[in-house]
């Protein structure tokens, strides 16, 4: 089993990466392969992630907080990924992570979680909102509560992935996906 973790920060190895690294390490400790990808919104990276999502079992979307919302980079990346590979996200396991110096995390998580909900993904929770605080990676590493939240998120995701795998082995299939109905009230 494999999880793709998207780092939606402008900084490749900054605070968001630090949080995602804890989730990835926890997944690996629980027997799940994990790959962190710097989610720059260019066609080559989006195409590569779209291809990886065809066989991946899960997705974690991580973003710093910029102006009380996710980075423009991750929103652009996810909009394009959803358009290109939305079908590959359906019924996969997903989670979101926000990184902030101080505030704006719940608004950021709200935006990111909509990508999971729209694609019928199984959302994984932790023991609090999945966020870390700090202005530098070293400060994030001092956020004991935030790091625990990331570890719990990783363990919960590994557990859900293993439960789904056990269900498949027992003959339980994902629900049938209905064709999308779109109602327009403008005449």
C-alpha atoms as a PDB file:
ATOM      1  CA  UNK A   1       0.000   0.000   0.000  1.00  0.00           C
ATOM      2  CA  UNK A   2       1.156   3.528  -0.764  1.00  0.00           C
ATOM      3  CA  UNK A   3       0.230   7.069   0.258  1.00  0.00           C
ATOM      4  CA  UNK A   4       1.197  10.198  -1.664  1.00  0.00           C
ATOM      5  CA  UNK A   5       1.749  13.269   0.516  1.00  0.00           C
ATOM      6  CA  UNK A   6       1.578  16.643  -1.250  1.00  0.00           C
ATOM      7  CA  UNK A   7       3.626  19.514   0.118  1.00  0.00           C
ATOM      8  CA  UNK A   8       1.790  22.641  -1.052  1.00  0.00           C
ATOM      9  CA  UNK A   9       4.337  25.074   0.350  1.00  0.00           C
ATOM     10  CA  UNK A  10       6.574  27.396  -1.626  1.00  0.00           C
ATOM     11  CA  UNK A  11       9.366  26.077   0.586  1.00  0.00           C
ATOM     12  CA  UNK A  12      10.301  22.544  -0.363  1.00  0.00           C
ATOM     13  CA  UNK A  13      11.697  21.630   3.069  1.00  0.00           C
ATOM     14  CA  UNK A  14       9.844  24.061   5.337  1.00  0.00           C
ATOM     15  CA  UNK A  15       7.235  23.708   8.065  1.00  0.00           C
ATOM     16  CA  UNK A  16       4.628  21.850   5.972  1.00  0.00           C
ATOM     17  CA  UNK A  17       7.273  19.358   4.848  1.00  0.00           C
ATOM     18  CA  UNK A  18       8.293  18.866   8.487  1.00  0.00           C
ATOM     19  CA  UNK A  19       4.703  17.987   9.465  1.00  0.00           C
ATOM     20  CA  UNK A  20       4.234  15.701   6.455  1.00  0.00           C
ATOM     21  CA  UNK A  21       7.522  13.957   7.270  1.00  0.00           C
ATOM     22  CA  UNK A  22       6.138  12.915  10.653  1.00  0.00           C
ATOM     23  CA  UNK A  23       3.016  11.498   8.979  1.00  0.00           C
ATOM     24  CA  UNK A  24       5.138   9.721   6.328  1.00  0.00           C
ATOM     25  CA  UNK A  25       7.508   8.246   8.920  1.00  0.00           C
ATOM     26  CA  UNK A  26       4.557   6.983  10.969  1.00  0.00           C
ATOM     27  CA  UNK A  27       2.976   5.408   7.888  1.00  0.00           C
ATOM     28  CA  UNK A  28       6.271   3.668   7.085  1.00  0.00           C
ATOM     29  CA  UNK A  29       6.573   2.422  10.691  1.00  0.00           C
ATOM     30  CA  UNK A  30       3.140   0.859  10.159  1.00  0.00           C
ATOM     31  CA  UNK A  31       4.052  -0.887   6.904  1.00  0.00           C
ATOM     32  CA  UNK A  32       2.680   1.698   4.448  1.00  0.00           C
ATOM     33  CA  UNK A  33       4.908   3.131   1.714  1.00  0.00           C
ATOM     34  CA  UNK A  34       4.852   6.944   1.684  1.00  0.00           C
ATOM     35  CA  UNK A  35       6.200   9.533  -0.743  1.00  0.00           C
ATOM     36  CA  UNK A  36       6.285  13.290  -0.179  1.00  0.00           C
ATOM     37  CA  UNK A  37       6.033  15.334  -3.374  1.00  0.00           C
ATOM     38  CA  UNK A  38       6.640  19.081  -3.584  1.00  0.00           C
ATOM     39  CA  UNK A  39       3.361  20.052  -5.274  1.00  0.00           C
ATOM     40  CA  UNK A  40       4.436  22.804  -7.620  1.00  0.00           C
ATOM     41  CA  UNK A  41       1.580  23.524 -10.025  1.00  0.00           C
ATOM     42  CA  UNK A  42       3.385  22.686 -13.248  1.00  0.00           C
ATOM     43  CA  UNK A  43       2.105  20.247 -15.837  1.00  0.00           C
ATOM     44  CA  UNK A  44       4.917  17.706 -15.421  1.00  0.00           C
ATOM     45  CA  UNK A  45       4.444  17.394 -11.633  1.00  0.00           C
ATOM     46  CA  UNK A  46       0.650  17.262 -11.918  1.00  0.00           C
ATOM     47  CA  UNK A  47       0.891  14.573 -14.601  1.00  0.00           C
ATOM     48  CA  UNK A  48       3.320  12.565 -12.458  1.00  0.00           C
ATOM     49  CA  UNK A  49       1.027  12.727  -9.416  1.00  0.00           C
ATOM     50  CA  UNK A  50      -2.019  11.884 -11.564  1.00  0.00           C
ATOM     51  CA  UNK A  51      -0.210   8.771 -12.759  1.00  0.00           C
ATOM     52  CA  UNK A  52       0.867   7.807  -9.210  1.00  0.00           C
ATOM     53  CA  UNK A  53      -2.703   8.232  -7.898  1.00  0.00           C
ATOM     54  CA  UNK A  54      -3.906   5.481 -10.229  1.00  0.00           C
ATOM     55  CA  UNK A  55      -2.155   2.924  -8.011  1.00  0.00           C
ATOM     56  CA  UNK A  56      -1.800   4.820  -4.711  1.00  0.00           C
ATOM     57  CA  UNK A  57      -4.144   3.958  -1.865  1.00  0.00           C
ATOM     58  CA  UNK A  58      -4.163   7.306  -0.126  1.00  0.00           C
ATOM     59  CA  UNK A  59      -3.446  11.007  -0.361  1.00  0.00           C
ATOM     60  CA  UNK A  60      -2.452  13.618   2.215  1.00  0.00           C
ATOM     61  CA  UNK A  61      -2.736  17.254   1.148  1.00  0.00           C
ATOM     62  CA  UNK A  62      -0.517  19.606   3.143  1.00  0.00           C
ATOM     63  CA  UNK A  63      -0.440  23.391   2.999  1.00  0.00           C
ATOM     64  CA  UNK A  64       0.924  26.324   4.917  1.00  0.00           C
ATOM     65  CA  UNK A  65      -1.477  29.088   5.814  1.00  0.00           C
ATOM     66  CA  UNK A  66      -1.128  32.159   3.600  1.00  0.00           C
ATOM     67  CA  UNK A  67      -3.645  34.950   4.221  1.00  0.00           C
ATOM     68  CA  UNK A  68      -5.851  32.649   6.330  1.00  0.00           C
ATOM     69  CA  UNK A  69      -6.200  30.072   3.554  1.00  0.00           C
ATOM     70  CA  UNK A  70      -4.191  27.384   1.728  1.00  0.00           C
ATOM     71  CA  UNK A  71      -1.334  28.416  -0.520  1.00  0.00           C
ATOM     72  CA  UNK A  72      -2.312  29.408  -4.040  1.00  0.00           C
ATOM     73  CA  UNK A  73       0.113  26.728  -5.202  1.00  0.00           C
ATOM     74  CA  UNK A  74      -1.763  23.840  -3.587  1.00  0.00           C
ATOM     75  CA  UNK A  75      -5.174  25.161  -4.654  1.00  0.00           C
ATOM     76  CA  UNK A  76      -3.991  25.475  -8.255  1.00  0.00           C
ATOM     77  CA  UNK A  77      -2.336  22.048  -8.045  1.00  0.00           C
ATOM     78  CA  UNK A  78      -5.425  20.363  -6.622  1.00  0.00           C
ATOM     79  CA  UNK A  79      -7.783  22.062  -9.082  1.00  0.00           C
ATOM     80  CA  UNK A  80      -5.677  20.751 -11.952  1.00  0.00           C
ATOM     81  CA  UNK A  81      -5.147  17.312 -10.388  1.00  0.00           C
ATOM     82  CA  UNK A  82      -8.888  16.946  -9.760  1.00  0.00           C
ATOM     83  CA  UNK A  83      -9.593  17.810 -13.378  1.00  0.00           C
ATOM     84  CA  UNK A  84      -6.987  15.410 -14.695  1.00  0.00           C
ATOM     85  CA  UNK A  85      -7.237  12.516 -12.234  1.00  0.00           C
ATOM     86  CA  UNK A  86     -10.370  13.017 -10.142  1.00  0.00           C
ATOM     87  CA  UNK A  87     -11.565   9.501 -10.953  1.00  0.00           C
ATOM     88  CA  UNK A  88      -8.318   8.131  -9.492  1.00  0.00           C
ATOM     89  CA  UNK A  89      -9.130   9.796  -6.152  1.00  0.00           C
ATOM     90  CA  UNK A  90     -12.570   8.229  -5.716  1.00  0.00           C
ATOM     91  CA  UNK A  91     -12.812   5.955  -2.667  1.00  0.00           C
ATOM     92  CA  UNK A  92      -9.148   6.457  -1.746  1.00  0.00           C
ATOM     93  CA  UNK A  93      -8.169   7.333   1.819  1.00  0.00           C
ATOM     94  CA  UNK A  94      -7.392  11.011   2.348  1.00  0.00           C
ATOM     95  CA  UNK A  95      -6.287  13.506   4.952  1.00  0.00           C
ATOM     96  CA  UNK A  96      -5.294  17.150   5.130  1.00  0.00           C
ATOM     97  CA  UNK A  97      -2.621  18.970   7.117  1.00  0.00           C
ATOM     98  CA  UNK A  98      -2.164  22.695   7.772  1.00  0.00           C
ATOM     99  CA  UNK A  99       0.926  24.496   9.010  1.00  0.00           C
ATOM    100  CA  UNK A 100       0.805  28.001  10.457  1.00  0.00           C
ATOM    101  CA  UNK A 101       2.797  30.426  12.483  1.00  0.00           C
ATOM    102  CA  UNK A 102      -0.320  31.338  14.410  1.00  0.00           C
ATOM    103  CA  UNK A 103      -3.832  31.226  12.892  1.00  0.00           C
ATOM    104  CA  UNK A 104      -5.902  30.476   9.792  1.00  0.00           C
ATOM    105  CA  UNK A 105      -5.528  26.730  10.044  1.00  0.00           C
ATOM    106  CA  UNK A 106      -9.193  25.743  10.309  1.00  0.00           C
ATOM    107  CA  UNK A 107     -10.107  27.855   7.264  1.00  0.00           C
ATOM    108  CA  UNK A 108      -7.239  26.206   5.371  1.00  0.00           C
ATOM    109  CA  UNK A 109      -8.370  22.720   6.397  1.00  0.00           C
ATOM    110  CA  UNK A 110     -11.931  23.546   5.349  1.00  0.00           C
ATOM    111  CA  UNK A 111     -10.813  24.388   1.801  1.00  0.00           C
ATOM    112  CA  UNK A 112      -8.548  21.330   1.507  1.00  0.00           C
ATOM    113  CA  UNK A 113     -11.138  18.931   2.924  1.00  0.00           C
ATOM    114  CA  UNK A 114     -13.549  19.832   0.134  1.00  0.00           C
ATOM    115  CA  UNK A 115     -11.252  18.058  -2.368  1.00  0.00           C
ATOM    116  CA  UNK A 116     -11.615  14.882  -0.296  1.00  0.00           C
ATOM    117  CA  UNK A 117     -15.381  15.189   0.076  1.00  0.00           C
ATOM    118  CA  UNK A 118     -16.061  15.917  -3.579  1.00  0.00           C
ATOM    119  CA  UNK A 119     -14.139  12.810  -4.637  1.00  0.00           C
ATOM    120  CA  UNK A 120     -15.861  10.485  -2.148  1.00  0.00           C
ATOM    121  CA  UNK A 121     -12.588   9.910  -0.317  1.00  0.00           C
ATOM    122  CA  UNK A 122     -12.508   8.287   3.107  1.00  0.00           C
ATOM    123  CA  UNK A 123     -11.360  11.124   5.388  1.00  0.00           C
ATOM    124  CA  UNK A 124      -8.983  10.270   8.203  1.00  0.00           C
ATOM    125  CA  UNK A 125      -8.973  12.233  11.440  1.00  0.00           C
ATOM    126  CA  UNK A 126      -6.528  12.580  14.300  1.00  0.00           C
ATOM    127  CA  UNK A 127      -6.960  13.437  17.979  1.00  0.00           C
ATOM    128  CA  UNK A 128      -7.332  17.162  17.155  1.00  0.00           C
ATOM    129  CA  UNK A 129      -7.368  19.294  14.025  1.00  0.00           C
ATOM    130  CA  UNK A 130      -4.446  18.181  11.837  1.00  0.00           C
ATOM    131  CA  UNK A 131      -2.200  21.209  12.197  1.00  0.00           C
ATOM    132  CA  UNK A 132       1.220  22.220  13.406  1.00  0.00           C
ATOM    133  CA  UNK A 133       2.448  25.618  14.531  1.00  0.00           C
ATOM    134  CA  UNK A 134       5.807  27.290  14.072  1.00  0.00           C
ATOM    135  CA  UNK A 135       7.587  29.820  11.914  1.00  0.00           C
ATOM    136  CA  UNK A 136      10.487  27.497  11.075  1.00  0.00           C
ATOM    137  CA  UNK A 137      10.944  23.723  10.851  1.00  0.00           C
ATOM    138  CA  UNK A 138      12.805  23.852  14.188  1.00  0.00           C
ATOM    139  CA  UNK A 139       9.827  25.580  15.803  1.00  0.00           C
ATOM    140  CA  UNK A 140       7.457  22.983  14.327  1.00  0.00           C
ATOM    141  CA  UNK A 141       9.643  20.252  15.857  1.00  0.00           C
ATOM    142  CA  UNK A 142       9.025  21.949  19.238  1.00  0.00           C
ATOM    143  CA  UNK A 143       5.230  21.741  18.793  1.00  0.00           C
ATOM    144  CA  UNK A 144       4.820  18.544  20.829  1.00  0.00           C
ATOM    145  CA  UNK A 145       1.029  18.533  20.443  1.00  0.00           C
ATOM    146  CA  UNK A 146       1.199  19.135  16.693  1.00  0.00           C
ATOM    147  CA  UNK A 147       3.743  16.339  16.236  1.00  0.00           C
ATOM    148  CA  UNK A 148       1.534  13.966  18.224  1.00  0.00           C
ATOM    149  CA  UNK A 149      -1.415  14.909  16.009  1.00  0.00           C
ATOM    150  CA  UNK A 150       0.683  14.042  12.932  1.00  0.00           C
ATOM    151  CA  UNK A 151       1.696  10.652  14.420  1.00  0.00           C
ATOM    152  CA  UNK A 152      -1.903   9.810  15.347  1.00  0.00           C
ATOM    153  CA  UNK A 153      -3.012  10.839  11.851  1.00  0.00           C
ATOM    154  CA  UNK A 154      -0.394   8.520  10.322  1.00  0.00           C
ATOM    155  CA  UNK A 155      -1.414   5.588  12.536  1.00  0.00           C
ATOM    156  CA  UNK A 156      -5.124   6.153  11.867  1.00  0.00           C
ATOM    157  CA  UNK A 157      -4.489   6.312   8.127  1.00  0.00           C
ATOM    158  CA  UNK A 158      -2.445   3.099   8.216  1.00  0.00           C
ATOM    159  CA  UNK A 159      -5.237   1.397  10.186  1.00  0.00           C
ATOM    160  CA  UNK A 160      -7.968   2.517   7.761  1.00  0.00           C
ATOM    161  CA  UNK A 161      -5.865   1.409   4.778  1.00  0.00           C
ATOM    162  CA  UNK A 162      -5.343  -2.013   6.364  1.00  0.00           C
ATOM    163  CA  UNK A 163      -9.070  -2.296   7.161  1.00  0.00           C
ATOM    164  CA  UNK A 164      -9.974  -1.523   3.554  1.00  0.00           C
ATOM    165  CA  UNK A 165      -7.401  -4.035   2.318  1.00  0.00           C
ATOM    166  CA  UNK A 166      -8.826  -6.695   4.678  1.00  0.00           C
ATOM    167  CA  UNK A 167     -12.306  -5.872   3.418  1.00  0.00           C
ATOM    168  CA  UNK A 168     -11.221  -6.331  -0.189  1.00  0.00           C
ATOM    169  CA  UNK A 169      -9.687  -9.704   0.689  1.00  0.00           C
ATOM    170  CA  UNK A 170     -13.001 -10.676   2.317  1.00  0.00           C
ATOM    171  CA  UNK A 171     -14.871  -9.801  -0.869  1.00  0.00           C
ATOM    172  CA  UNK A 172     -16.157  -6.382   0.110  1.00  0.00           C
ATOM    173  CA  UNK A 173     -15.987  -3.956  -2.819  1.00  0.00           C
ATOM    174  CA  UNK A 174     -16.120  -0.191  -2.862  1.00  0.00           C
ATOM    175  CA  UNK A 175     -19.606   1.196  -3.460  1.00  0.00           C
ATOM    176  CA  UNK A 176     -20.674   1.654  -7.050  1.00  0.00           C
ATOM    177  CA  UNK A 177     -20.084   5.200  -8.213  1.00  0.00           C
ATOM    178  CA  UNK A 178     -23.154   6.755  -9.771  1.00  0.00           C
ATOM    179  CA  UNK A 179     -22.822   9.057 -12.745  1.00  0.00           C
ATOM    180  CA  UNK A 180     -22.727  12.634 -11.471  1.00  0.00           C
ATOM    181  CA  UNK A 181     -26.043  14.467 -11.649  1.00  0.00           C
ATOM    182  CA  UNK A 182     -25.724  18.210 -12.063  1.00  0.00           C
ATOM    183  CA  UNK A 183     -28.778  20.345 -11.426  1.00  0.00           C
ATOM    184  CA  UNK A 184     -28.854  23.882 -12.754  1.00  0.00           C
ATOM    185  CA  UNK A 185     -31.634  26.139 -11.502  1.00  0.00           C
ATOM    186  CA  UNK A 186     -30.987  28.919 -14.007  1.00  0.00           C
ATOM    187  CA  UNK A 187     -33.369  28.782 -16.970  1.00  0.00           C
END
